Amino acid sequence: MTATETTSKRLTIRCEACGSWNRIRSDRATNGPKCGSCSTPIELGHPLVLTDETFARTLAESEVPVLVDFYADWCGPCKMMAPFVDQLAGENVGRAIIAKLDTDRNQRTAGGFGIRGIPTSIVFLAGKEVSRQVGAVPKAGLEALLSKAL
């Protein structure tokens, strides 16, 4: 085992095509990882879509920070913030997982974290909440929030 392999962190991502769980080394996340079961490319340069079924495992088994944007399709401030979330995902491949959770479709998870206003952004590390921001923020605000876990 090389020094890089011992210091590389793991990302746990569920394949959107086949539903298989994949562990991706952070130092190889920019190399275009593919699902180990169906070979479908796993896109990490865009926000990962989480659901009630995938939320807990993704957070608990990923060794990098996970920033989750709790949003709804009808929410104007959420739509204003969406491009910043997209940019953050593209800029942090391998360093963090940037994810989105639709609070209307995933009420169990949203309720479990006491989401009362959207957008709400929460950063998790090792499955635990590190920081939270309620309301729309510019990209710099999201970067500052994420930096608390990096």
Protein backbone atom coordinates (compact mmCIF):
# COMPACT_ATOMS: atom_id res chain seq x y z
CA MET A 1 0.00 0.00 0.00
CA THR A 2 1.39 3.41 -0.98
CA ALA A 3 1.36 6.55 1.17
CA THR A 4 -1.34 8.01 -1.09
CA GLU A 5 -3.58 4.99 -0.54
CA THR A 6 -3.24 5.26 3.22
CA THR A 7 -4.07 9.00 3.25
CA SER A 8 -6.82 8.91 0.64
CA LYS A 9 -10.34 9.23 2.01
CA ARG A 10 -13.37 7.33 0.75
CA LEU A 11 -16.62 8.59 -0.72
CA THR A 12 -19.63 6.28 -0.55
CA ILE A 13 -21.96 6.87 -3.49
CA ARG A 14 -24.97 4.92 -4.73
CA CYS A 15 -25.13 4.42 -8.50
CA GLU A 16 -28.18 6.16 -9.94
CA ALA A 17 -28.41 3.59 -12.75
CA CYS A 18 -28.32 0.26 -10.89
CA GLY A 19 -28.55 1.18 -7.19
CA SER A 20 -25.24 -0.45 -6.23
CA TRP A 21 -23.12 1.22 -3.56
CA ASN A 22 -19.60 2.29 -4.57
CA ARG A 23 -16.62 3.37 -2.49
CA ILE A 24 -14.48 5.84 -4.38
CA ARG A 25 -11.03 6.97 -3.28
CA SER A 26 -10.89 10.75 -2.96
CA ASP A 27 -7.59 10.95 -4.83
CA ARG A 28 -9.21 9.22 -7.82
CA ALA A 29 -12.54 11.07 -7.79
CA THR A 30 -11.48 13.38 -10.63
CA ASN A 31 -10.53 10.44 -12.87
CA GLY A 32 -14.11 9.70 -13.96
CA PRO A 33 -15.08 6.85 -11.63
CA LYS A 34 -17.54 4.22 -12.83
CA CYS A 35 -19.93 1.96 -10.95
CA GLY A 36 -18.30 -1.32 -10.02
CA SER A 37 -21.46 -3.23 -10.96
CA CYS A 38 -22.78 -1.66 -14.16
CA SER A 39 -19.86 0.58 -15.32
CA THR A 40 -22.07 3.67 -15.51
CA PRO A 41 -20.01 6.84 -14.95
CA ILE A 42 -20.48 8.36 -11.49
CA GLU A 43 -20.74 12.13 -11.90
CA LEU A 44 -19.17 13.92 -8.94
CA GLY A 45 -18.88 17.34 -10.58
CA HIS A 46 -22.59 17.92 -10.01
CA PRO A 47 -24.58 17.78 -6.78
CA LEU A 48 -25.42 14.25 -5.71
CA VAL A 49 -29.17 13.69 -5.36
CA LEU A 50 -29.95 12.16 -1.97
CA THR A 51 -33.19 10.53 -0.82
CA ASP A 52 -34.58 9.17 2.43
CA GLU A 53 -33.08 5.82 1.40
CA THR A 54 -29.57 7.02 0.51
CA PHE A 55 -29.01 9.89 2.95
CA ALA A 56 -27.85 8.10 6.12
CA ARG A 57 -25.47 5.65 4.45
CA THR A 58 -23.88 8.28 2.22
CA LEU A 59 -23.15 10.50 5.22
CA ALA A 60 -22.10 7.76 7.62
CA GLU A 61 -19.73 5.95 5.24
CA SER A 62 -18.13 8.91 3.46
CA GLU A 63 -14.85 10.08 4.95
CA VAL A 64 -15.03 13.55 3.38
CA PRO A 65 -17.36 16.39 4.39
CA VAL A 66 -20.85 16.31 2.88
CA LEU A 67 -22.68 19.59 2.25
CA VAL A 68 -26.40 18.99 1.79
CA ASP A 69 -28.67 21.61 0.23
CA PHE A 70 -32.20 20.99 1.56
CA TYR A 71 -34.48 22.51 -1.09
CA ALA A 72 -37.83 22.30 -2.91
CA ASP A 73 -38.56 22.72 -6.62
CA TRP A 74 -41.08 25.51 -6.01
CA CYS A 75 -38.76 27.58 -3.76
CA GLY A 76 -37.53 30.82 -5.39
CA PRO A 77 -34.53 31.36 -3.07
CA CYS A 78 -33.55 27.69 -3.62
CA LYS A 79 -33.52 28.29 -7.39
CA MET A 80 -31.37 31.41 -6.89
CA MET A 81 -28.84 29.42 -4.85
CA ALA A 82 -28.78 26.35 -7.13
CA PRO A 83 -26.04 27.64 -9.50
CA PHE A 84 -23.74 28.23 -6.50
CA VAL A 85 -24.34 24.67 -5.26
CA ASP A 86 -23.54 23.38 -8.75
CA GLN A 87 -20.30 25.40 -8.90
CA LEU A 88 -19.28 24.22 -5.45
CA ALA A 89 -19.74 20.59 -6.53
CA GLY A 90 -17.51 21.07 -9.57
CA GLU A 91 -14.80 22.77 -7.52
CA ASN A 92 -14.68 20.23 -4.67
CA VAL A 93 -14.56 16.85 -6.43
CA GLY A 94 -12.65 14.50 -4.13
CA ARG A 95 -12.50 17.03 -1.27
CA ALA A 96 -16.19 16.97 -0.35
CA ILE A 97 -19.53 15.63 -1.51
CA ILE A 98 -22.00 18.33 -2.49
CA ALA A 99 -25.54 16.97 -2.37
CA LYS A 100 -29.17 18.03 -2.64
CA LEU A 101 -32.23 16.66 -0.86
CA ASP A 102 -35.75 17.60 -2.01
CA THR A 103 -37.66 18.24 1.23
CA ASP A 104 -41.07 17.63 -0.39
CA ARG A 105 -40.13 14.16 -1.65
CA ASN A 106 -38.01 13.21 1.38
CA GLN A 107 -39.96 14.47 4.36
CA ARG A 108 -38.68 11.84 6.78
CA THR A 109 -35.07 13.01 6.49
CA ALA A 110 -35.97 16.71 6.35
CA GLY A 111 -38.17 16.35 9.42
CA GLY A 112 -35.49 14.42 11.27
CA PHE A 113 -33.14 17.38 10.95
CA GLY A 114 -35.79 19.92 11.90
CA ILE A 115 -35.83 21.64 8.51
CA ARG A 116 -38.44 24.38 8.91
CA GLY A 117 -37.21 26.84 6.29
CA ILE A 118 -35.63 26.32 2.91
CA PRO A 119 -33.11 26.55 1.57
CA THR A 120 -31.16 25.11 4.47
CA SER A 121 -27.55 24.01 3.98
CA ILE A 122 -25.94 21.61 6.44
CA VAL A 123 -22.37 20.33 6.43
CA PHE A 124 -21.77 16.86 7.88
CA LEU A 125 -18.53 15.09 8.75
CA ALA A 126 -18.49 11.41 9.75
CA GLY A 127 -22.29 11.50 9.79
CA LYS A 128 -22.48 14.34 12.31
CA GLU A 129 -23.68 17.89 11.72
CA VAL A 130 -20.81 20.40 11.74
CA SER A 131 -22.51 23.62 10.60
CA ARG A 132 -25.85 24.89 9.34
CA GLN A 133 -27.14 27.88 7.39
CA VAL A 134 -30.83 28.67 6.95
CA GLY A 135 -31.74 30.86 4.00
CA ALA A 136 -30.18 31.59 0.65
CA VAL A 137 -26.52 32.58 0.67
CA PRO A 138 -24.06 33.50 -2.07
CA LYS A 139 -21.35 31.09 -3.13
CA ALA A 140 -18.90 32.61 -0.65
CA GLY A 141 -21.31 31.78 2.16
CA LEU A 142 -21.49 28.15 1.08
CA GLU A 143 -17.69 28.00 0.82
CA ALA A 144 -17.37 29.40 4.34
CA LEU A 145 -19.87 26.85 5.63
CA LEU A 146 -18.00 23.97 3.96
CA SER A 147 -14.61 25.23 5.15
CA LYS A 148 -15.66 24.51 8.76
CA ALA A 149 -15.33 20.79 7.97
CA LEU A 150 -12.32 20.80 5.62
